[in-house]
PDB file of N, CA and C in Angstrom:
ATOM      1  N   GLN A   1       6.574  17.175   6.590  1.00  0.00           N
ATOM      2  CA  GLN A   1       6.856  15.566   6.945  1.00  0.00           C
ATOM      3  C   GLN A   1       5.832  15.385   6.278  1.00  0.00           C
ATOM      4  N   VAL A   2       5.992  13.973   5.782  1.00  0.00           N
ATOM      5  CA  VAL A   2       4.625  13.169   4.933  1.00  0.00           C
ATOM      6  C   VAL A   2       4.789  11.744   5.095  1.00  0.00           C
ATOM      7  N   HIS A   3       4.187  11.152   6.125  1.00  0.00           N
ATOM      8  CA  HIS A   3       4.615   9.286   5.871  1.00  0.00           C
ATOM      9  C   HIS A   3       3.125   9.161   5.241  1.00  0.00           C
ATOM     10  N   LEU A   4       3.562   8.182   4.510  1.00  0.00           N
ATOM     11  CA  LEU A   4       3.079   7.010   3.686  1.00  0.00           C
ATOM     12  C   LEU A   4       2.704   5.559   3.814  1.00  0.00           C
ATOM     13  N   VAL A   5       1.238   5.580   4.123  1.00  0.00           N
ATOM     14  CA  VAL A   5       1.231   3.859   4.477  1.00  0.00           C
ATOM     15  C   VAL A   5       0.311   3.050   4.019  1.00  0.00           C
ATOM     16  N   GLU A   6       0.734   1.901   3.257  1.00  0.00           N
ATOM     17  CA  GLU A   6      -0.194   1.250   2.132  1.00  0.00           C
ATOM     18  C   GLU A   6      -0.542  -0.234   2.526  1.00  0.00           C
ATOM     19  N   SER A   7      -1.774  -0.138   2.006  1.00  0.00           N
ATOM     20  CA  SER A   7      -2.293  -1.814   2.084  1.00  0.00           C
ATOM     21  C   SER A   7      -2.916  -2.010   1.183  1.00  0.00           C
ATOM     22  N   GLY A   8      -3.458  -3.216   0.951  1.00  0.00           N
ATOM     23  CA  GLY A   8      -4.234  -4.311  -0.076  1.00  0.00           C
ATOM     24  C   GLY A   8      -3.697  -4.607  -1.008  1.00  0.00           C
ATOM     25  N   GLY A   9      -2.217  -5.073  -1.076  1.00  0.00           N
ATOM     26  CA  GLY A   9      -1.750  -6.227  -1.575  1.00  0.00           C
ATOM     27  C   GLY A   9      -1.984  -7.484  -0.952  1.00  0.00           C
ATOM     28  N   GLY A  10      -1.484  -8.729  -2.345  1.00  0.00           N
ATOM     29  CA  GLY A  10      -1.830  -9.543  -1.801  1.00  0.00           C
ATOM     30  C   GLY A  10      -1.472 -10.568  -3.356  1.00  0.00           C
ATOM     31  N   LEU A  11      -1.562 -11.792  -2.922  1.00  0.00           N
ATOM     32  CA  LEU A  11      -2.119 -12.924  -4.309  1.00  0.00           C
ATOM     33  C   LEU A  11      -3.564 -12.889  -4.996  1.00  0.00           C
ATOM     34  N   VAL A  12      -3.901 -12.607  -6.209  1.00  0.00           N
ATOM     35  CA  VAL A  12      -4.943 -12.653  -6.584  1.00  0.00           C
ATOM     36  C   VAL A  12      -5.296 -13.453  -7.957  1.00  0.00           C
ATOM     37  N   GLN A  13      -5.719 -14.114  -8.565  1.00  0.00           N
ATOM     38  CA  GLN A  13      -5.486 -14.919  -9.802  1.00  0.00           C
ATOM     39  C   GLN A  13      -5.729 -13.952 -11.047  1.00  0.00           C
ATOM     40  N   PRO A  14      -5.064 -14.211 -12.635  1.00  0.00           N
ATOM     41  CA  PRO A  14      -5.377 -13.458 -13.588  1.00  0.00           C
ATOM     42  C   PRO A  14      -6.863 -13.512 -13.615  1.00  0.00           C
ATOM     43  N   GLY A  15      -6.864 -12.390 -13.891  1.00  0.00           N
ATOM     44  CA  GLY A  15      -8.146 -11.735 -14.269  1.00  0.00           C
ATOM     45  C   GLY A  15      -9.318 -10.956 -13.039  1.00  0.00           C
ATOM     46  N   GLY A  16      -8.631 -10.833 -12.056  1.00  0.00           N
ATOM     47  CA  GLY A  16      -9.176 -10.586 -11.078  1.00  0.00           C
ATOM     48  C   GLY A  16      -9.134  -9.490 -10.500  1.00  0.00           C
ATOM     49  N   SER A  17      -9.277  -8.994  -9.357  1.00  0.00           N
ATOM     50  CA  SER A  17      -9.090  -7.218  -9.220  1.00  0.00           C
ATOM     51  C   SER A  17      -8.490  -7.112  -7.353  1.00  0.00           C
ATOM     52  N   LEU A  18      -7.824  -5.854  -7.143  1.00  0.00           N
ATOM     53  CA  LEU A  18      -7.427  -5.712  -6.053  1.00  0.00           C
ATOM     54  C   LEU A  18      -7.917  -4.158  -6.095  1.00  0.00           C
ATOM     55  N   ARG A  19      -7.895  -3.654  -4.681  1.00  0.00           N
ATOM     56  CA  ARG A  19      -7.295  -1.997  -4.222  1.00  0.00           C
ATOM     57  C   ARG A  19      -7.165  -1.884  -3.489  1.00  0.00           C
ATOM     58  N   LEU A  20      -5.719  -1.067  -4.023  1.00  0.00           N
ATOM     59  CA  LEU A  20      -4.438  -0.568  -2.818  1.00  0.00           C
ATOM     60  C   LEU A  20      -5.057   0.843  -2.098  1.00  0.00           C
ATOM     61  N   SER A  21      -4.525   1.029  -1.353  1.00  0.00           N
ATOM     62  CA  SER A  21      -4.862   2.456  -0.539  1.00  0.00           C
ATOM     63  C   SER A  21      -3.578   2.556   0.061  1.00  0.00           C
ATOM     64  N   CYS A  22      -3.128   3.951   0.041  1.00  0.00           N
ATOM     65  CA  CYS A  22      -1.922   4.817   0.652  1.00  0.00           C
ATOM     66  C   CYS A  22      -2.650   6.036   1.113  1.00  0.00           C
ATOM     67  N   ALA A  23      -2.686   6.257   2.995  1.00  0.00           N
ATOM     68  CA  ALA A  23      -2.700   6.616   3.399  1.00  0.00           C
ATOM     69  C   ALA A  23      -1.498   7.838   3.769  1.00  0.00           C
ATOM     70  N   ALA A  24      -1.954   9.332   3.784  1.00  0.00           N
ATOM     71  CA  ALA A  24      -0.832  10.075   4.060  1.00  0.00           C
ATOM     72  C   ALA A  24      -1.331  10.748   5.353  1.00  0.00           C
ATOM     73  N   PHE A  25      -0.094  10.677   6.292  1.00  0.00           N
ATOM     74  CA  PHE A  25       0.058  11.264   7.579  1.00  0.00           C
ATOM     75  C   PHE A  25       1.442  12.102   7.901  1.00  0.00           C
ATOM     76  N   GLY A  26       0.624  13.792   8.397  1.00  0.00           N
ATOM     77  CA  GLY A  26       0.988  14.730   8.517  1.00  0.00           C
ATOM     78  C   GLY A  26       0.817  15.621   7.303  1.00  0.00           C
ATOM     79  N   THR A  27       1.310  17.235   7.019  1.00  0.00           N
ATOM     80  CA  THR A  27       0.970  18.250   6.483  1.00  0.00           C
ATOM     81  C   THR A  27       2.131  18.359   5.800  1.00  0.00           C
ATOM     82  N   ASP A  28       2.077  18.755   4.218  1.00  0.00           N
ATOM     83  CA  ASP A  28       3.014  19.436   3.527  1.00  0.00           C
ATOM     84  C   ASP A  28       2.227  20.283   2.696  1.00  0.00           C
ATOM     85  N   ASP A  29       2.321  21.310   2.571  1.00  0.00           N
ATOM     86  CA  ASP A  29       1.321  22.028   1.435  1.00  0.00           C
ATOM     87  C   ASP A  29       2.330  22.233   0.347  1.00  0.00           C
ATOM     88  N   SER A  30       3.355  21.836  -0.076  1.00  0.00           N
ATOM     89  CA  SER A  30       3.863  21.657  -0.848  1.00  0.00           C
ATOM     90  C   SER A  30       3.559  20.151  -1.877  1.00  0.00           C
ATOM     91  N   ILE A  31       3.091  19.303  -1.377  1.00  0.00           N
ATOM     92  CA  ILE A  31       2.945  18.525  -2.093  1.00  0.00           C
ATOM     93  C   ILE A  31       1.869  18.688  -3.503  1.00  0.00           C
ATOM     94  N   ASN A  32       2.256  18.125  -4.750  1.00  0.00           N
ATOM     95  CA  ASN A  32       1.126  18.806  -5.979  1.00  0.00           C
ATOM     96  C   ASN A  32       1.204  17.363  -6.438  1.00  0.00           C
ATOM     97  N   ALA A  33       1.126  16.089  -6.050  1.00  0.00           N
ATOM     98  CA  ALA A  33       0.800  15.372  -6.760  1.00  0.00           C
ATOM     99  C   ALA A  33       0.698  14.146  -6.533  1.00  0.00           C
ATOM    100  N   MET A  34       0.279  12.730  -5.978  1.00  0.00           N
ATOM    101  CA  MET A  34       0.123  11.429  -5.492  1.00  0.00           C
ATOM    102  C   MET A  34       0.055  10.256  -6.619  1.00  0.00           C
ATOM    103  N   GLY A  35       0.124   8.953  -6.264  1.00  0.00           N
ATOM    104  CA  GLY A  35       0.382   8.042  -7.279  1.00  0.00           C
ATOM    105  C   GLY A  35       1.164   7.310  -6.769  1.00  0.00           C
ATOM    106  N   TRP A  36       1.602   6.270  -7.887  1.00  0.00           N
ATOM    107  CA  TRP A  36       2.108   4.788  -7.402  1.00  0.00           C
ATOM    108  C   TRP A  36       2.852   4.009  -8.512  1.00  0.00           C
ATOM    109  N   TYR A  37       3.933   3.765  -8.326  1.00  0.00           N
ATOM    110  CA  TYR A  37       4.993   3.444  -9.083  1.00  0.00           C
ATOM    111  C   TYR A  37       4.802   1.840  -8.759  1.00  0.00           C
ATOM    112  N   ARG A  38       5.721   0.863 -10.005  1.00  0.00           N
ATOM    113  CA  ARG A  38       5.437  -0.308  -9.167  1.00  0.00           C
ATOM    114  C   ARG A  38       7.427  -0.641  -9.901  1.00  0.00           C
ATOM    115  N   GLN A  39       7.417  -1.681  -8.710  1.00  0.00           N
ATOM    116  CA  GLN A  39       8.636  -2.474  -9.352  1.00  0.00           C
ATOM    117  C   GLN A  39       8.769  -3.630  -9.315  1.00  0.00           C
ATOM    118  N   ALA A  40       9.417  -4.386 -10.260  1.00  0.00           N
ATOM    119  CA  ALA A  40       9.602  -6.198 -10.196  1.00  0.00           C
ATOM    120  C   ALA A  40      10.746  -6.680 -10.370  1.00  0.00           C
ATOM    121  N   PRO A  41      11.364  -7.250  -9.621  1.00  0.00           N
ATOM    122  CA  PRO A  41      12.339  -7.740  -9.471  1.00  0.00           C
ATOM    123  C   PRO A  41      13.452  -8.165 -10.490  1.00  0.00           C
ATOM    124  N   GLY A  42      14.493  -7.552 -10.499  1.00  0.00           N
ATOM    125  CA  GLY A  42      15.459  -7.275 -12.051  1.00  0.00           C
ATOM    126  C   GLY A  42      14.884  -6.266 -12.995  1.00  0.00           C
ATOM    127  N   ARG A  43      13.608  -5.326 -12.665  1.00  0.00           N
ATOM    128  CA  ARG A  43      13.364  -4.114 -13.410  1.00  0.00           C
ATOM    129  C   ARG A  43      13.018  -3.335 -12.726  1.00  0.00           C
ATOM    130  N   GLN A  44      13.104  -2.185 -13.911  1.00  0.00           N
ATOM    131  CA  GLN A  44      12.854  -0.701 -13.394  1.00  0.00           C
ATOM    132  C   GLN A  44      11.610  -0.354 -12.930  1.00  0.00           C
ATOM    133  N   ARG A  45      11.746   0.654 -11.789  1.00  0.00           N
ATOM    134  CA  ARG A  45      10.767   1.200 -11.066  1.00  0.00           C
ATOM    135  C   ARG A  45       9.751   1.687 -12.094  1.00  0.00           C
ATOM    136  N   ASP A  46       8.596   1.519 -12.336  1.00  0.00           N
ATOM    137  CA  ASP A  46       8.018   2.366 -13.602  1.00  0.00           C
ATOM    138  C   ASP A  46       6.573   3.391 -12.978  1.00  0.00           C
ATOM    139  N   LEU A  47       6.515   4.095 -13.967  1.00  0.00           N
ATOM    140  CA  LEU A  47       4.806   4.760 -13.055  1.00  0.00           C
ATOM    141  C   LEU A  47       4.127   3.751 -13.578  1.00  0.00           C
ATOM    142  N   VAL A  48       2.718   3.951 -12.662  1.00  0.00           N
ATOM    143  CA  VAL A  48       1.540   3.183 -12.753  1.00  0.00           C
ATOM    144  C   VAL A  48       0.864   3.911 -13.396  1.00  0.00           C
ATOM    145  N   ALA A  49       0.176   5.252 -12.100  1.00  0.00           N
ATOM    146  CA  ALA A  49      -0.667   6.364 -11.909  1.00  0.00           C
ATOM    147  C   ALA A  49      -0.444   7.342 -11.074  1.00  0.00           C
ATOM    148  N   ALA A  50      -0.869   8.733 -11.591  1.00  0.00           N
ATOM    149  CA  ALA A  50      -0.624   9.951 -10.791  1.00  0.00           C
ATOM    150  C   ALA A  50      -1.665  10.584 -10.818  1.00  0.00           C
ATOM    151  N   ILE A  51      -2.406  11.242  -9.570  1.00  0.00           N
ATOM    152  CA  ILE A  51      -2.952  12.316  -9.582  1.00  0.00           C
ATOM    153  C   ILE A  51      -2.967  13.664  -9.236  1.00  0.00           C
ATOM    154  N   LEU A  52      -2.693  14.699  -9.862  1.00  0.00           N
ATOM    155  CA  LEU A  52      -2.629  16.144  -9.236  1.00  0.00           C
ATOM    156  C   LEU A  52      -3.836  16.493  -8.942  1.00  0.00           C
ATOM    157  N   ASN A  53      -3.148  17.864  -7.952  1.00  0.00           N
ATOM    158  CA  ASN A  53      -4.504  18.502  -6.915  1.00  0.00           C
ATOM    159  C   ASN A  53      -5.322  19.077  -7.452  1.00  0.00           C
ATOM    160  N   ASN A  54      -5.328  19.128  -9.009  1.00  0.00           N
ATOM    161  CA  ASN A  54      -6.531  19.286  -9.389  1.00  0.00           C
ATOM    162  C   ASN A  54      -7.301  18.534  -9.992  1.00  0.00           C
ATOM    163  N   GLY A  55      -7.008  17.347 -10.034  1.00  0.00           N
ATOM    164  CA  GLY A  55      -7.647  15.957 -10.134  1.00  0.00           C
ATOM    165  C   GLY A  55      -7.444  15.347 -11.156  1.00  0.00           C
ATOM    166  N   ILE A  56      -6.549  16.064 -12.274  1.00  0.00           N
ATOM    167  CA  ILE A  56      -6.002  15.376 -13.531  1.00  0.00           C
ATOM    168  C   ILE A  56      -5.225  13.764 -12.880  1.00  0.00           C
ATOM    169  N   THR A  57      -5.332  13.252 -13.892  1.00  0.00           N
ATOM    170  CA  THR A  57      -4.967  11.655 -13.622  1.00  0.00           C
ATOM    171  C   THR A  57      -4.222  11.338 -14.872  1.00  0.00           C
ATOM    172  N   ASN A  58      -3.113  10.632 -14.475  1.00  0.00           N
ATOM    173  CA  ASN A  58      -2.055  10.326 -15.696  1.00  0.00           C
ATOM    174  C   ASN A  58      -1.538   8.581 -15.113  1.00  0.00           C
ATOM    175  N   TYR A  59      -1.439   7.539 -16.376  1.00  0.00           N
ATOM    176  CA  TYR A  59      -1.123   6.255 -16.710  1.00  0.00           C
ATOM    177  C   TYR A  59      -0.375   5.748 -17.050  1.00  0.00           C
ATOM    178  N   GLY A  60       0.282   4.675 -16.769  1.00  0.00           N
ATOM    179  CA  GLY A  60       1.535   3.871 -17.566  1.00  0.00           C
ATOM    180  C   GLY A  60       0.886   3.950 -18.783  1.00  0.00           C
ATOM    181  N   GLY A  61       1.428   3.510 -19.678  1.00  0.00           N
ATOM    182  CA  GLY A  61       0.805   2.377 -20.821  1.00  0.00           C
ATOM    183  C   GLY A  61       0.295   1.478 -20.727  1.00  0.00           C
ATOM    184  N   ASP A  62       0.701   0.339 -20.124  1.00  0.00           N
ATOM    185  CA  ASP A  62       0.395  -1.155 -20.182  1.00  0.00           C
ATOM    186  C   ASP A  62      -1.222  -0.918 -19.116  1.00  0.00           C
ATOM    187  N   VAL A  63      -1.236   0.385 -18.190  1.00  0.00           N
ATOM    188  CA  VAL A  63      -2.553  -0.441 -17.120  1.00  0.00           C
ATOM    189  C   VAL A  63      -3.302   0.388 -17.987  1.00  0.00           C
ATOM    190  N   LYS A  64      -3.163   1.192 -18.648  1.00  0.00           N
ATOM    191  CA  LYS A  64      -4.513   2.050 -18.771  1.00  0.00           C
ATOM    192  C   LYS A  64      -5.614   1.694 -19.564  1.00  0.00           C
ATOM    193  N   GLY A  65      -6.864   1.769 -18.728  1.00  0.00           N
ATOM    194  CA  GLY A  65      -8.215   1.399 -19.032  1.00  0.00           C
ATOM    195  C   GLY A  65      -8.357  -0.045 -18.494  1.00  0.00           C
ATOM    196  N   ARG A  66      -7.837  -0.415 -17.514  1.00  0.00           N
ATOM    197  CA  ARG A  66      -7.404  -1.249 -16.211  1.00  0.00           C
ATOM    198  C   ARG A  66      -7.833  -0.773 -14.998  1.00  0.00           C
ATOM    199  N   PHE A  67      -6.526   0.099 -14.935  1.00  0.00           N
ATOM    200  CA  PHE A  67      -6.328   0.689 -13.263  1.00  0.00           C
ATOM    201  C   PHE A  67      -7.166   2.085 -13.304  1.00  0.00           C
ATOM    202  N   THR A  68      -7.760   2.636 -11.970  1.00  0.00           N
ATOM    203  CA  THR A  68      -8.422   3.627 -11.998  1.00  0.00           C
ATOM    204  C   THR A  68      -7.658   4.271 -10.297  1.00  0.00           C
ATOM    205  N   ILE A  69      -6.988   5.447 -11.106  1.00  0.00           N
ATOM    206  CA  ILE A  69      -6.679   5.894  -9.116  1.00  0.00           C
ATOM    207  C   ILE A  69      -7.629   7.266  -8.560  1.00  0.00           C
ATOM    208  N   SER A  70      -7.893   7.320  -7.853  1.00  0.00           N
ATOM    209  CA  SER A  70      -8.919   7.896  -7.180  1.00  0.00           C
ATOM    210  C   SER A  70      -7.935   8.997  -5.431  1.00  0.00           C
ATOM    211  N   ARG A  71      -8.949   9.734  -5.176  1.00  0.00           N
ATOM    212  CA  ARG A  71      -8.332  10.257  -3.927  1.00  0.00           C
ATOM    213  C   ARG A  71      -9.835  10.917  -3.176  1.00  0.00           C
ATOM    214  N   ASP A  72      -9.282  10.584  -2.003  1.00  0.00           N
ATOM    215  CA  ASP A  72     -10.649  10.792  -0.753  1.00  0.00           C
ATOM    216  C   ASP A  72      -9.637  12.048  -0.044  1.00  0.00           C
ATOM    217  N   ASN A  73     -10.158  13.246  -0.179  1.00  0.00           N
ATOM    218  CA  ASN A  73      -9.415  14.438   0.058  1.00  0.00           C
ATOM    219  C   ASN A  73      -9.511  14.378   1.914  1.00  0.00           C
ATOM    220  N   ALA A  74     -10.971  14.149   1.879  1.00  0.00           N
ATOM    221  CA  ALA A  74     -11.363  14.223   3.568  1.00  0.00           C
ATOM    222  C   ALA A  74     -10.730  13.083   4.358  1.00  0.00           C
ATOM    223  N   LYS A  75     -10.010  12.066   3.673  1.00  0.00           N
ATOM    224  CA  LYS A  75      -9.244  11.290   4.320  1.00  0.00           C
ATOM    225  C   LYS A  75      -8.099  11.020   4.574  1.00  0.00           C
ATOM    226  N   ASN A  76      -7.651  11.566   3.377  1.00  0.00           N
ATOM    227  CA  ASN A  76      -5.867  12.043   2.849  1.00  0.00           C
ATOM    228  C   ASN A  76      -5.902  10.789   2.031  1.00  0.00           C
ATOM    229  N   THR A  77      -6.408   9.686   1.659  1.00  0.00           N
ATOM    230  CA  THR A  77      -6.053   8.919   1.210  1.00  0.00           C
ATOM    231  C   THR A  77      -6.240   8.554  -0.329  1.00  0.00           C
ATOM    232  N   ILE A  78      -5.346   7.922  -0.988  1.00  0.00           N
ATOM    233  CA  ILE A  78      -5.734   8.313  -2.121  1.00  0.00           C
ATOM    234  C   ILE A  78      -5.643   6.143  -2.818  1.00  0.00           C
ATOM    235  N   TYR A  79      -6.543   5.937  -3.844  1.00  0.00           N
ATOM    236  CA  TYR A  79      -6.759   4.177  -3.936  1.00  0.00           C
ATOM    237  C   TYR A  79      -6.129   4.147  -5.645  1.00  0.00           C
ATOM    238  N   LEU A  80      -5.961   3.085  -5.829  1.00  0.00           N
ATOM    239  CA  LEU A  80      -5.833   2.369  -6.805  1.00  0.00           C
ATOM    240  C   LEU A  80      -6.452   1.143  -7.067  1.00  0.00           C
ATOM    241  N   GLN A  81      -7.837   1.000  -8.003  1.00  0.00           N
ATOM    242  CA  GLN A  81      -8.664   0.246  -8.327  1.00  0.00           C
ATOM    243  C   GLN A  81      -7.547  -0.746  -9.468  1.00  0.00           C
ATOM    244  N   MET A  82      -7.490  -1.568  -9.347  1.00  0.00           N
ATOM    245  CA  MET A  82      -6.909  -2.446 -10.406  1.00  0.00           C
ATOM    246  C   MET A  82      -7.571  -3.661 -10.145  1.00  0.00           C
ATOM    247  N   ASN A  83      -8.439  -3.802 -12.198  1.00  0.00           N
ATOM    248  CA  ASN A  83      -9.355  -4.983 -12.923  1.00  0.00           C
ATOM    249  C   ASN A  83      -8.307  -5.494 -13.614  1.00  0.00           C
ATOM    250  N   SER A  84      -8.686  -6.551 -14.055  1.00  0.00           N
ATOM    251  CA  SER A  84      -8.460  -7.505 -15.288  1.00  0.00           C
ATOM    252  C   SER A  84      -6.903  -7.401 -15.091  1.00  0.00           C
ATOM    253  N   LEU A  85      -6.373  -8.090 -14.001  1.00  0.00           N
ATOM    254  CA  LEU A  85      -4.907  -8.559 -13.455  1.00  0.00           C
ATOM    255  C   LEU A  85      -4.402  -9.422 -14.441  1.00  0.00           C
ATOM    256  N   LYS A  86      -3.149  -8.845 -14.441  1.00  0.00           N
ATOM    257  CA  LYS A  86      -2.519 -10.011 -15.294  1.00  0.00           C
ATOM    258  C   LYS A  86      -0.864 -10.146 -14.581  1.00  0.00           C
ATOM    259  N   PRO A  87      -0.761 -11.821 -15.182  1.00  0.00           N
ATOM    260  CA  PRO A  87       0.824 -12.172 -14.468  1.00  0.00           C
ATOM    261  C   PRO A  87       1.841 -10.741 -14.729  1.00  0.00           C
ATOM    262  N   GLU A  88       1.816  -9.898 -16.165  1.00  0.00           N
ATOM    263  CA  GLU A  88       2.519  -9.196 -15.658  1.00  0.00           C
ATOM    264  C   GLU A  88       2.440  -8.175 -14.772  1.00  0.00           C
ATOM    265  N   ASP A  89       1.608  -7.554 -14.093  1.00  0.00           N
ATOM    266  CA  ASP A  89       1.050  -6.972 -13.482  1.00  0.00           C
ATOM    267  C   ASP A  89       1.878  -7.324 -11.659  1.00  0.00           C
ATOM    268  N   THR A  90       2.635  -8.555 -11.630  1.00  0.00           N
ATOM    269  CA  THR A  90       2.965  -8.889 -10.507  1.00  0.00           C
ATOM    270  C   THR A  90       3.959  -7.914 -10.298  1.00  0.00           C
ATOM    271  N   ALA A  91       4.498  -7.467  -9.050  1.00  0.00           N
ATOM    272  CA  ALA A  91       5.477  -6.198  -8.643  1.00  0.00           C
ATOM    273  C   ALA A  91       5.299  -5.761  -7.287  1.00  0.00           C
ATOM    274  N   THR A  92       6.113  -4.991  -6.457  1.00  0.00           N
ATOM    275  CA  THR A  92       5.903  -4.432  -5.355  1.00  0.00           C
ATOM    276  C   THR A  92       5.113  -3.014  -6.012  1.00  0.00           C
ATOM    277  N   TYR A  93       4.138  -2.573  -5.128  1.00  0.00           N
ATOM    278  CA  TYR A  93       3.796  -1.112  -5.230  1.00  0.00           C
ATOM    279  C   TYR A  93       3.772  -0.009  -4.686  1.00  0.00           C
ATOM    280  N   PHE A  94       4.411   1.123  -4.878  1.00  0.00           N
ATOM    281  CA  PHE A  94       5.126   1.542  -4.195  1.00  0.00           C
ATOM    282  C   PHE A  94       4.277   3.230  -4.211  1.00  0.00           C
ATOM    283  N   CYS A  95       3.762   3.846  -3.077  1.00  0.00           N
ATOM    284  CA  CYS A  95       2.898   4.981  -3.188  1.00  0.00           C
ATOM    285  C   CYS A  95       3.656   6.114  -3.308  1.00  0.00           C
ATOM    286  N   TYR A  96       3.760   7.427  -3.714  1.00  0.00           N
ATOM    287  CA  TYR A  96       4.236   8.232  -3.779  1.00  0.00           C
ATOM    288  C   TYR A  96       3.441   9.776  -3.387  1.00  0.00           C
ATOM    289  N   ALA A  97       4.101  10.465  -3.149  1.00  0.00           N
ATOM    290  CA  ALA A  97       3.294  12.408  -3.053  1.00  0.00           C
ATOM    291  C   ALA A  97       4.713  12.748  -3.049  1.00  0.00           C
ATOM    292  N   ASP A  98       4.651  13.384  -4.278  1.00  0.00           N
ATOM    293  CA  ASP A  98       5.274  15.017  -4.894  1.00  0.00           C
ATOM    294  C   ASP A  98       5.528  15.956  -4.211  1.00  0.00           C
ATOM    295  N   SER A  99       6.630  16.411  -4.101  1.00  0.00           N
ATOM    296  CA  SER A  99       6.386  17.603  -3.413  1.00  0.00           C
ATOM    297  C   SER A  99       7.482  18.979  -4.057  1.00  0.00           C
ATOM    298  N   ILE A 100       6.556  20.099  -4.587  1.00  0.00           N
ATOM    299  CA  ILE A 100       7.402  21.338  -5.755  1.00  0.00           C
ATOM    300  C   ILE A 100       9.358  21.430  -5.126  1.00  0.00           C
ATOM    301  N   LEU A 101       9.159  21.202  -3.350  1.00  0.00           N
ATOM    302  CA  LEU A 101      10.192  21.752  -2.800  1.00  0.00           C
ATOM    303  C   LEU A 101      11.476  20.782  -2.216  1.00  0.00           C
ATOM    304  N   LEU A 102      10.960  19.567  -3.048  1.00  0.00           N
ATOM    305  CA  LEU A 102      11.971  18.702  -2.628  1.00  0.00           C
ATOM    306  C   LEU A 102      12.536  17.980  -3.933  1.00  0.00           C
ATOM    307  N   PRO A 103      13.726  17.684  -3.646  1.00  0.00           N
ATOM    308  CA  PRO A 103      14.212  16.627  -4.895  1.00  0.00           C
ATOM    309  C   PRO A 103      13.684  15.505  -5.251  1.00  0.00           C
ATOM    310  N   ASP A 104      13.579  14.806  -3.950  1.00  0.00           N
ATOM    311  CA  ASP A 104      12.692  13.545  -3.771  1.00  0.00           C
ATOM    312  C   ASP A 104      11.957  13.529  -3.591  1.00  0.00           C
ATOM    313  N   PRO A 105      10.290  12.646  -3.768  1.00  0.00           N
ATOM    314  CA  PRO A 105       9.263  12.515  -3.550  1.00  0.00           C
ATOM    315  C   PRO A 105       9.087  11.502  -1.834  1.00  0.00           C
ATOM    316  N   TYR A 106       7.954  11.780  -1.611  1.00  0.00           N
ATOM    317  CA  TYR A 106       8.020  11.046  -0.214  1.00  0.00           C
ATOM    318  C   TYR A 106       6.983   9.514  -0.807  1.00  0.00           C
ATOM    319  N   TRP A 107       8.237   8.644   0.249  1.00  0.00           N
ATOM    320  CA  TRP A 107       7.924   7.209  -0.573  1.00  0.00           C
ATOM    321  C   TRP A 107       7.030   6.054   0.341  1.00  0.00           C
ATOM    322  N   GLY A 108       6.154   5.461   0.034  1.00  0.00           N
ATOM    323  CA  GLY A 108       5.917   4.202   0.912  1.00  0.00           C
ATOM    324  C   GLY A 108       6.213   3.011   1.146  1.00  0.00           C
ATOM    325  N   GLN A 109       6.281   2.543   1.761  1.00  0.00           N
ATOM    326  CA  GLN A 109       7.113   0.567   2.038  1.00  0.00           C
ATOM    327  C   GLN A 109       6.638  -0.226   0.877  1.00  0.00           C
ATOM    328  N   GLY A 110       5.842   0.020   0.815  1.00  0.00           N
ATOM    329  CA  GLY A 110       5.723  -1.083  -0.749  1.00  0.00           C
ATOM    330  C   GLY A 110       4.841  -1.768  -0.223  1.00  0.00           C
ATOM    331  N   THR A 111       4.034  -1.964  -1.600  1.00  0.00           N
ATOM    332  CA  THR A 111       3.091  -3.578  -1.090  1.00  0.00           C
ATOM    333  C   THR A 111       3.266  -4.134  -2.448  1.00  0.00           C
ATOM    334  N   LEU A 112       3.030  -5.857  -2.018  1.00  0.00           N
ATOM    335  CA  LEU A 112       4.075  -6.355  -2.912  1.00  0.00           C
ATOM    336  C   LEU A 112       2.122  -7.145  -3.572  1.00  0.00           C
ATOM    337  N   VAL A 113       2.383  -7.110  -5.106  1.00  0.00           N
ATOM    338  CA  VAL A 113       1.049  -7.525  -5.576  1.00  0.00           C
ATOM    339  C   VAL A 113       1.163  -8.935  -6.660  1.00  0.00           C
ATOM    340  N   THR A 114       0.669  -9.921  -6.090  1.00  0.00           N
ATOM    341  CA  THR A 114       0.968 -10.980  -7.358  1.00  0.00           C
ATOM    342  C   THR A 114       0.107 -11.582  -7.799  1.00  0.00           C
ATOM    343  N   VAL A 115      -0.186 -11.605  -9.210  1.00  0.00           N
ATOM    344  CA  VAL A 115      -1.109 -12.385  -9.635  1.00  0.00           C
ATOM    345  C   VAL A 115      -0.771 -13.606 -10.423  1.00  0.00           C
ATOM    346  N   SER A 116      -1.337 -14.482 -10.444  1.00  0.00           N
ATOM    347  CA  SER A 116      -0.569 -15.884 -10.377  1.00  0.00           C
ATOM    348  C   SER A 116      -2.091 -17.227 -10.298  1.00  0.00           C
ATOM    349  N   SER A 117      -1.967 -18.187 -11.436  1.00  0.00           N
ATOM    350  CA  SER A 117      -2.883 -18.569 -10.701  1.00  0.00           C
ATOM    351  C   SER A 117      -2.612 -20.030 -10.356  1.00  0.00           C
TER     352      SER A 117
END
C-alpha cells in the first residue's frame, strides 16, 4: 500500500511559477511509474507528466517545454516544476503511482492550482 501526499498548489499570476511535491509513504515494489494528472471543472482528467522507474519522462502536449517532472528516490518524492503558467493551466493536480499488479493507480488527494491576474 502507498499513501501519496501532495503539496505546493496555490494562486499564481500568469507567467509565474509553482513547484508541486508528492511524497510517497509505504512500500510497493510493483510501482513502475509516478506522475501527475490534472482536471478542471467540467473537463476530463488529462495526463500532465509521468516518470518511469528508469527515469524516462513523458508529458502532455500543452505543457511540454514549460513543465519538468523529477524524482528524488532517497526521499520517495516526485516534483513538478511549472514555469510560464497560463490561465488554462488552472486545475486540480493529482499525483499518481501506477502499479503493474493493480487495475487502478494510487491517487493523491489533489492540490488546486489557480493561474489568474
